[in-house]
Amino acid sequence: MSSSCSHLLSALKDCLLHSDCVLKQGHLPSECLKEHTNELPEQCRALRQATFECKRGMLDMRKRFRGNNVDLPAPPPRGREQPVTTAPST
């Protein structure tokens, strides 16, 4: 595997190993990816999609000159975040 996708692949492996599908239900990580994708956390699904896009980008001839530009996906929002307010200084 190319080094441009290695950080995504290692993040996906780590996410799968810490998911409920592997820890609580006792499935193999490969089984979770193939058969139980709807049970995976949103972060693992985003990493799975990013890894797929990265591998596809390695084969895309248009990206040969520009490079395979990949990043870790942004974490999903965790609900409503409260804005940070500062106390008035006296």
N, C-alpha and C. Protein backbone atom coordinates (compact mmCIF):
# COMPACT_ATOMS: atom_id res chain seq x y z
N MET A 1 0.84 -1.17 0.00
CA MET A 1 0.00 0.00 0.00
C MET A 1 0.89 1.23 0.00
N SER A 2 0.45 2.23 -0.69
CA SER A 2 1.18 3.48 -0.78
C SER A 2 1.17 4.19 0.57
N SER A 3 2.17 5.02 0.77
CA SER A 3 2.25 5.74 2.04
C SER A 3 1.20 6.84 2.14
N SER A 4 0.58 7.24 1.02
CA SER A 4 -0.42 8.29 1.09
C SER A 4 -1.70 7.82 1.76
N CYS A 5 -1.96 6.54 1.80
CA CYS A 5 -3.18 6.01 2.43
C CYS A 5 -2.89 5.30 3.75
N SER A 6 -1.66 5.20 4.14
CA SER A 6 -1.33 4.40 5.32
C SER A 6 -1.90 4.99 6.60
N HIS A 7 -1.93 6.33 6.71
CA HIS A 7 -2.47 6.91 7.94
C HIS A 7 -3.98 6.68 8.04
N LEU A 8 -4.68 6.66 6.91
CA LEU A 8 -6.11 6.36 6.92
C LEU A 8 -6.36 4.91 7.30
N LEU A 9 -5.56 4.03 6.75
CA LEU A 9 -5.73 2.61 7.03
C LEU A 9 -5.45 2.29 8.50
N SER A 10 -4.42 2.90 9.06
CA SER A 10 -4.13 2.65 10.48
C SER A 10 -5.22 3.24 11.38
N ALA A 11 -5.76 4.39 11.01
CA ALA A 11 -6.86 4.98 11.79
C ALA A 11 -8.11 4.12 11.69
N LEU A 12 -8.38 3.55 10.51
CA LEU A 12 -9.53 2.66 10.35
C LEU A 12 -9.37 1.39 11.18
N LYS A 13 -8.18 0.82 11.18
CA LYS A 13 -7.92 -0.38 11.99
C LYS A 13 -8.13 -0.09 13.47
N ASP A 14 -7.61 1.03 13.92
CA ASP A 14 -7.75 1.41 15.33
C ASP A 14 -9.22 1.63 15.69
N CYS A 15 -9.96 2.28 14.82
CA CYS A 15 -11.37 2.53 15.05
C CYS A 15 -12.16 1.22 15.11
N LEU A 16 -11.86 0.31 14.21
CA LEU A 16 -12.56 -0.98 14.20
C LEU A 16 -12.28 -1.80 15.46
N LEU A 17 -11.03 -1.78 15.90
CA LEU A 17 -10.67 -2.56 17.07
C LEU A 17 -11.32 -2.04 18.34
N HIS A 18 -11.68 -0.75 18.35
CA HIS A 18 -12.32 -0.16 19.53
C HIS A 18 -13.83 -0.04 19.38
N SER A 19 -14.40 -0.59 18.32
CA SER A 19 -15.84 -0.49 18.10
C SER A 19 -16.58 -1.57 18.88
N ASP A 20 -17.87 -1.34 19.11
CA ASP A 20 -18.70 -2.32 19.81
C ASP A 20 -18.85 -3.61 19.01
N CYS A 21 -18.78 -3.52 17.70
CA CYS A 21 -18.93 -4.69 16.85
C CYS A 21 -17.84 -5.72 17.17
N VAL A 22 -16.63 -5.25 17.44
CA VAL A 22 -15.53 -6.16 17.75
C VAL A 22 -15.49 -6.47 19.25
N LEU A 23 -15.58 -5.42 20.08
CA LEU A 23 -15.41 -5.61 21.52
C LEU A 23 -16.57 -6.35 22.17
N LYS A 24 -17.80 -5.91 21.92
CA LYS A 24 -18.94 -6.49 22.63
C LYS A 24 -19.57 -7.67 21.91
N GLN A 25 -19.64 -7.59 20.57
CA GLN A 25 -20.31 -8.65 19.82
C GLN A 25 -19.36 -9.75 19.40
N GLY A 26 -18.04 -9.52 19.47
CA GLY A 26 -17.06 -10.56 19.20
C GLY A 26 -16.81 -10.87 17.74
N HIS A 27 -17.21 -9.98 16.83
CA HIS A 27 -16.94 -10.21 15.41
C HIS A 27 -15.50 -9.85 15.08
N LEU A 28 -15.01 -10.40 14.00
CA LEU A 28 -13.71 -10.01 13.49
C LEU A 28 -13.83 -8.64 12.84
N PRO A 29 -12.76 -7.85 12.82
CA PRO A 29 -12.84 -6.54 12.16
C PRO A 29 -13.22 -6.64 10.69
N SER A 30 -12.76 -7.68 10.01
CA SER A 30 -13.12 -7.85 8.60
C SER A 30 -14.61 -8.15 8.45
N GLU A 31 -15.18 -8.90 9.39
CA GLU A 31 -16.62 -9.16 9.35
C GLU A 31 -17.41 -7.88 9.58
N CYS A 32 -16.93 -7.05 10.48
CA CYS A 32 -17.62 -5.79 10.75
C CYS A 32 -17.62 -4.90 9.51
N LEU A 33 -16.52 -4.88 8.77
CA LEU A 33 -16.44 -4.06 7.56
C LEU A 33 -17.35 -4.58 6.46
N LYS A 34 -17.45 -5.89 6.34
CA LYS A 34 -18.20 -6.47 5.23
C LYS A 34 -19.68 -6.67 5.52
N GLU A 35 -20.00 -7.15 6.71
CA GLU A 35 -21.37 -7.57 6.98
C GLU A 35 -22.12 -6.71 7.99
N HIS A 36 -21.41 -5.95 8.81
CA HIS A 36 -22.06 -5.19 9.89
C HIS A 36 -21.73 -3.70 9.81
N THR A 37 -21.71 -3.16 8.62
CA THR A 37 -21.31 -1.75 8.47
C THR A 37 -22.32 -0.80 9.12
N ASN A 38 -23.57 -1.19 9.17
CA ASN A 38 -24.57 -0.30 9.77
C ASN A 38 -24.44 -0.24 11.29
N GLU A 39 -23.70 -1.17 11.90
CA GLU A 39 -23.50 -1.18 13.34
C GLU A 39 -22.26 -0.42 13.76
N LEU A 40 -21.44 0.01 12.80
CA LEU A 40 -20.20 0.73 13.12
C LEU A 40 -20.50 2.17 13.50
N PRO A 41 -19.64 2.76 14.34
CA PRO A 41 -19.81 4.18 14.67
C PRO A 41 -19.59 5.06 13.43
N GLU A 42 -20.09 6.26 13.48
CA GLU A 42 -20.00 7.19 12.35
C GLU A 42 -18.55 7.47 11.97
N GLN A 43 -17.67 7.55 12.95
CA GLN A 43 -16.27 7.81 12.66
C GLN A 43 -15.65 6.69 11.83
N CYS A 44 -15.97 5.44 12.16
CA CYS A 44 -15.44 4.30 11.40
C CYS A 44 -15.99 4.29 9.98
N ARG A 45 -17.26 4.64 9.83
CA ARG A 45 -17.84 4.70 8.48
C ARG A 45 -17.17 5.79 7.65
N ALA A 46 -16.89 6.94 8.27
CA ALA A 46 -16.21 8.02 7.55
C ALA A 46 -14.79 7.62 7.17
N LEU A 47 -14.11 6.93 8.06
CA LEU A 47 -12.75 6.46 7.75
C LEU A 47 -12.77 5.41 6.65
N ARG A 48 -13.79 4.56 6.65
CA ARG A 48 -13.93 3.55 5.60
C ARG A 48 -14.11 4.21 4.24
N GLN A 49 -14.95 5.24 4.19
CA GLN A 49 -15.19 5.96 2.94
C GLN A 49 -13.93 6.71 2.50
N ALA A 50 -13.22 7.32 3.45
CA ALA A 50 -11.99 8.05 3.11
C ALA A 50 -10.91 7.10 2.60
N THR A 51 -10.82 5.91 3.19
CA THR A 51 -9.85 4.92 2.72
C THR A 51 -10.18 4.46 1.31
N PHE A 52 -11.47 4.27 1.04
CA PHE A 52 -11.89 3.89 -0.30
C PHE A 52 -11.54 4.98 -1.31
N GLU A 53 -11.82 6.23 -0.96
CA GLU A 53 -11.51 7.35 -1.86
C GLU A 53 -10.01 7.46 -2.09
N CYS A 54 -9.22 7.21 -1.07
CA CYS A 54 -7.77 7.28 -1.20
C CYS A 54 -7.26 6.19 -2.14
N LYS A 55 -7.75 4.98 -1.96
CA LYS A 55 -7.32 3.88 -2.84
C LYS A 55 -7.75 4.14 -4.28
N ARG A 56 -8.95 4.67 -4.45
CA ARG A 56 -9.42 5.00 -5.80
C ARG A 56 -8.58 6.12 -6.41
N GLY A 57 -8.18 7.07 -5.57
CA GLY A 57 -7.34 8.17 -6.05
C GLY A 57 -5.97 7.71 -6.51
N MET A 58 -5.48 6.61 -5.96
CA MET A 58 -4.18 6.10 -6.39
C MET A 58 -4.25 5.56 -7.82
N LEU A 59 -5.43 5.14 -8.26
CA LEU A 59 -5.58 4.61 -9.60
C LEU A 59 -6.04 5.66 -10.62
N ASP A 60 -6.45 6.82 -10.14
CA ASP A 60 -6.98 7.87 -11.00
C ASP A 60 -5.83 8.56 -11.73
N MET A 61 -5.84 8.48 -13.04
CA MET A 61 -4.76 9.07 -13.83
C MET A 61 -4.72 10.59 -13.74
N ARG A 62 -5.86 11.21 -13.47
CA ARG A 62 -5.89 12.68 -13.37
C ARG A 62 -5.15 13.16 -12.13
N LYS A 63 -5.04 12.31 -11.13
CA LYS A 63 -4.37 12.70 -9.89
C LYS A 63 -2.89 12.38 -9.89
N ARG A 64 -2.40 11.82 -10.97
CA ARG A 64 -0.98 11.45 -11.01
C ARG A 64 -0.09 12.68 -10.91
N PHE A 65 -0.48 13.76 -11.56
CA PHE A 65 0.34 14.97 -11.53
C PHE A 65 0.06 15.80 -10.29
N ARG A 66 -1.19 15.84 -9.86
CA ARG A 66 -1.57 16.65 -8.70
C ARG A 66 -1.27 15.95 -7.38
N GLY A 67 -1.21 14.66 -7.39
CA GLY A 67 -0.97 13.90 -6.16
C GLY A 67 -2.28 13.47 -5.54
N ASN A 68 -2.19 12.47 -4.71
CA ASN A 68 -3.37 11.93 -4.04
C ASN A 68 -3.56 12.71 -2.74
N ASN A 69 -4.34 13.76 -2.78
CA ASN A 69 -4.53 14.65 -1.64
C ASN A 69 -5.60 14.09 -0.72
N VAL A 70 -5.17 13.49 0.40
CA VAL A 70 -6.12 12.90 1.34
C VAL A 70 -5.83 13.42 2.73
N ASP A 71 -6.86 13.48 3.54
CA ASP A 71 -6.75 13.87 4.94
C ASP A 71 -7.68 13.00 5.75
N LEU A 72 -7.48 13.00 7.03
CA LEU A 72 -8.42 12.31 7.91
C LEU A 72 -9.73 13.07 7.88
N PRO A 73 -10.85 12.36 7.85
CA PRO A 73 -12.13 13.06 7.83
C PRO A 73 -12.38 13.78 9.14
N ALA A 74 -13.15 14.85 9.06
CA ALA A 74 -13.49 15.60 10.26
C ALA A 74 -14.42 14.77 11.13
N PRO A 75 -14.25 14.86 12.45
CA PRO A 75 -15.15 14.09 13.32
C PRO A 75 -16.57 14.62 13.21
N PRO A 76 -17.55 13.75 13.35
CA PRO A 76 -18.94 14.19 13.25
C PRO A 76 -19.30 15.07 14.44
N PRO A 77 -20.24 15.99 14.27
CA PRO A 77 -20.63 16.85 15.39
C PRO A 77 -21.30 16.04 16.48
N ARG A 78 -21.10 16.43 17.70
CA ARG A 78 -21.61 15.68 18.85
C ARG A 78 -22.85 16.35 19.45
N GLY A 79 -23.66 16.92 18.62
CA GLY A 79 -24.87 17.58 19.12
C GLY A 79 -24.66 19.08 19.21
N ARG A 80 -25.52 19.73 19.92
CA ARG A 80 -25.41 21.18 20.04
C ARG A 80 -24.29 21.54 20.99
N GLU A 81 -23.39 22.35 20.50
CA GLU A 81 -22.30 22.82 21.34
C GLU A 81 -22.67 24.19 21.88
N GLN A 82 -22.39 24.40 23.13
CA GLN A 82 -22.69 25.67 23.75
C GLN A 82 -21.56 26.64 23.45
N PRO A 83 -21.88 27.89 23.07
CA PRO A 83 -20.81 28.85 22.81
C PRO A 83 -20.10 29.22 24.12
N VAL A 84 -18.83 29.48 23.99
CA VAL A 84 -18.03 29.81 25.15
C VAL A 84 -18.22 31.29 25.44
N THR A 85 -18.61 31.60 26.65
CA THR A 85 -18.76 33.00 27.07
C THR A 85 -17.74 33.31 28.11
N THR A 86 -17.25 34.52 28.09
CA THR A 86 -16.27 34.93 29.06
C THR A 86 -16.93 35.87 30.04
N ALA A 87 -16.48 35.81 31.27
CA ALA A 87 -17.02 36.68 32.30
C ALA A 87 -16.44 38.07 32.12
N PRO A 88 -17.25 39.10 32.32
CA PRO A 88 -16.73 40.46 32.16
C PRO A 88 -15.68 40.74 33.24
N SER A 89 -14.61 41.37 32.83
CA SER A 89 -13.53 41.68 33.78
C SER A 89 -13.87 42.97 34.51
N THR A 90 -13.61 42.99 35.80
CA THR A 90 -13.90 44.19 36.60
C THR A 90 -12.68 44.76 37.23
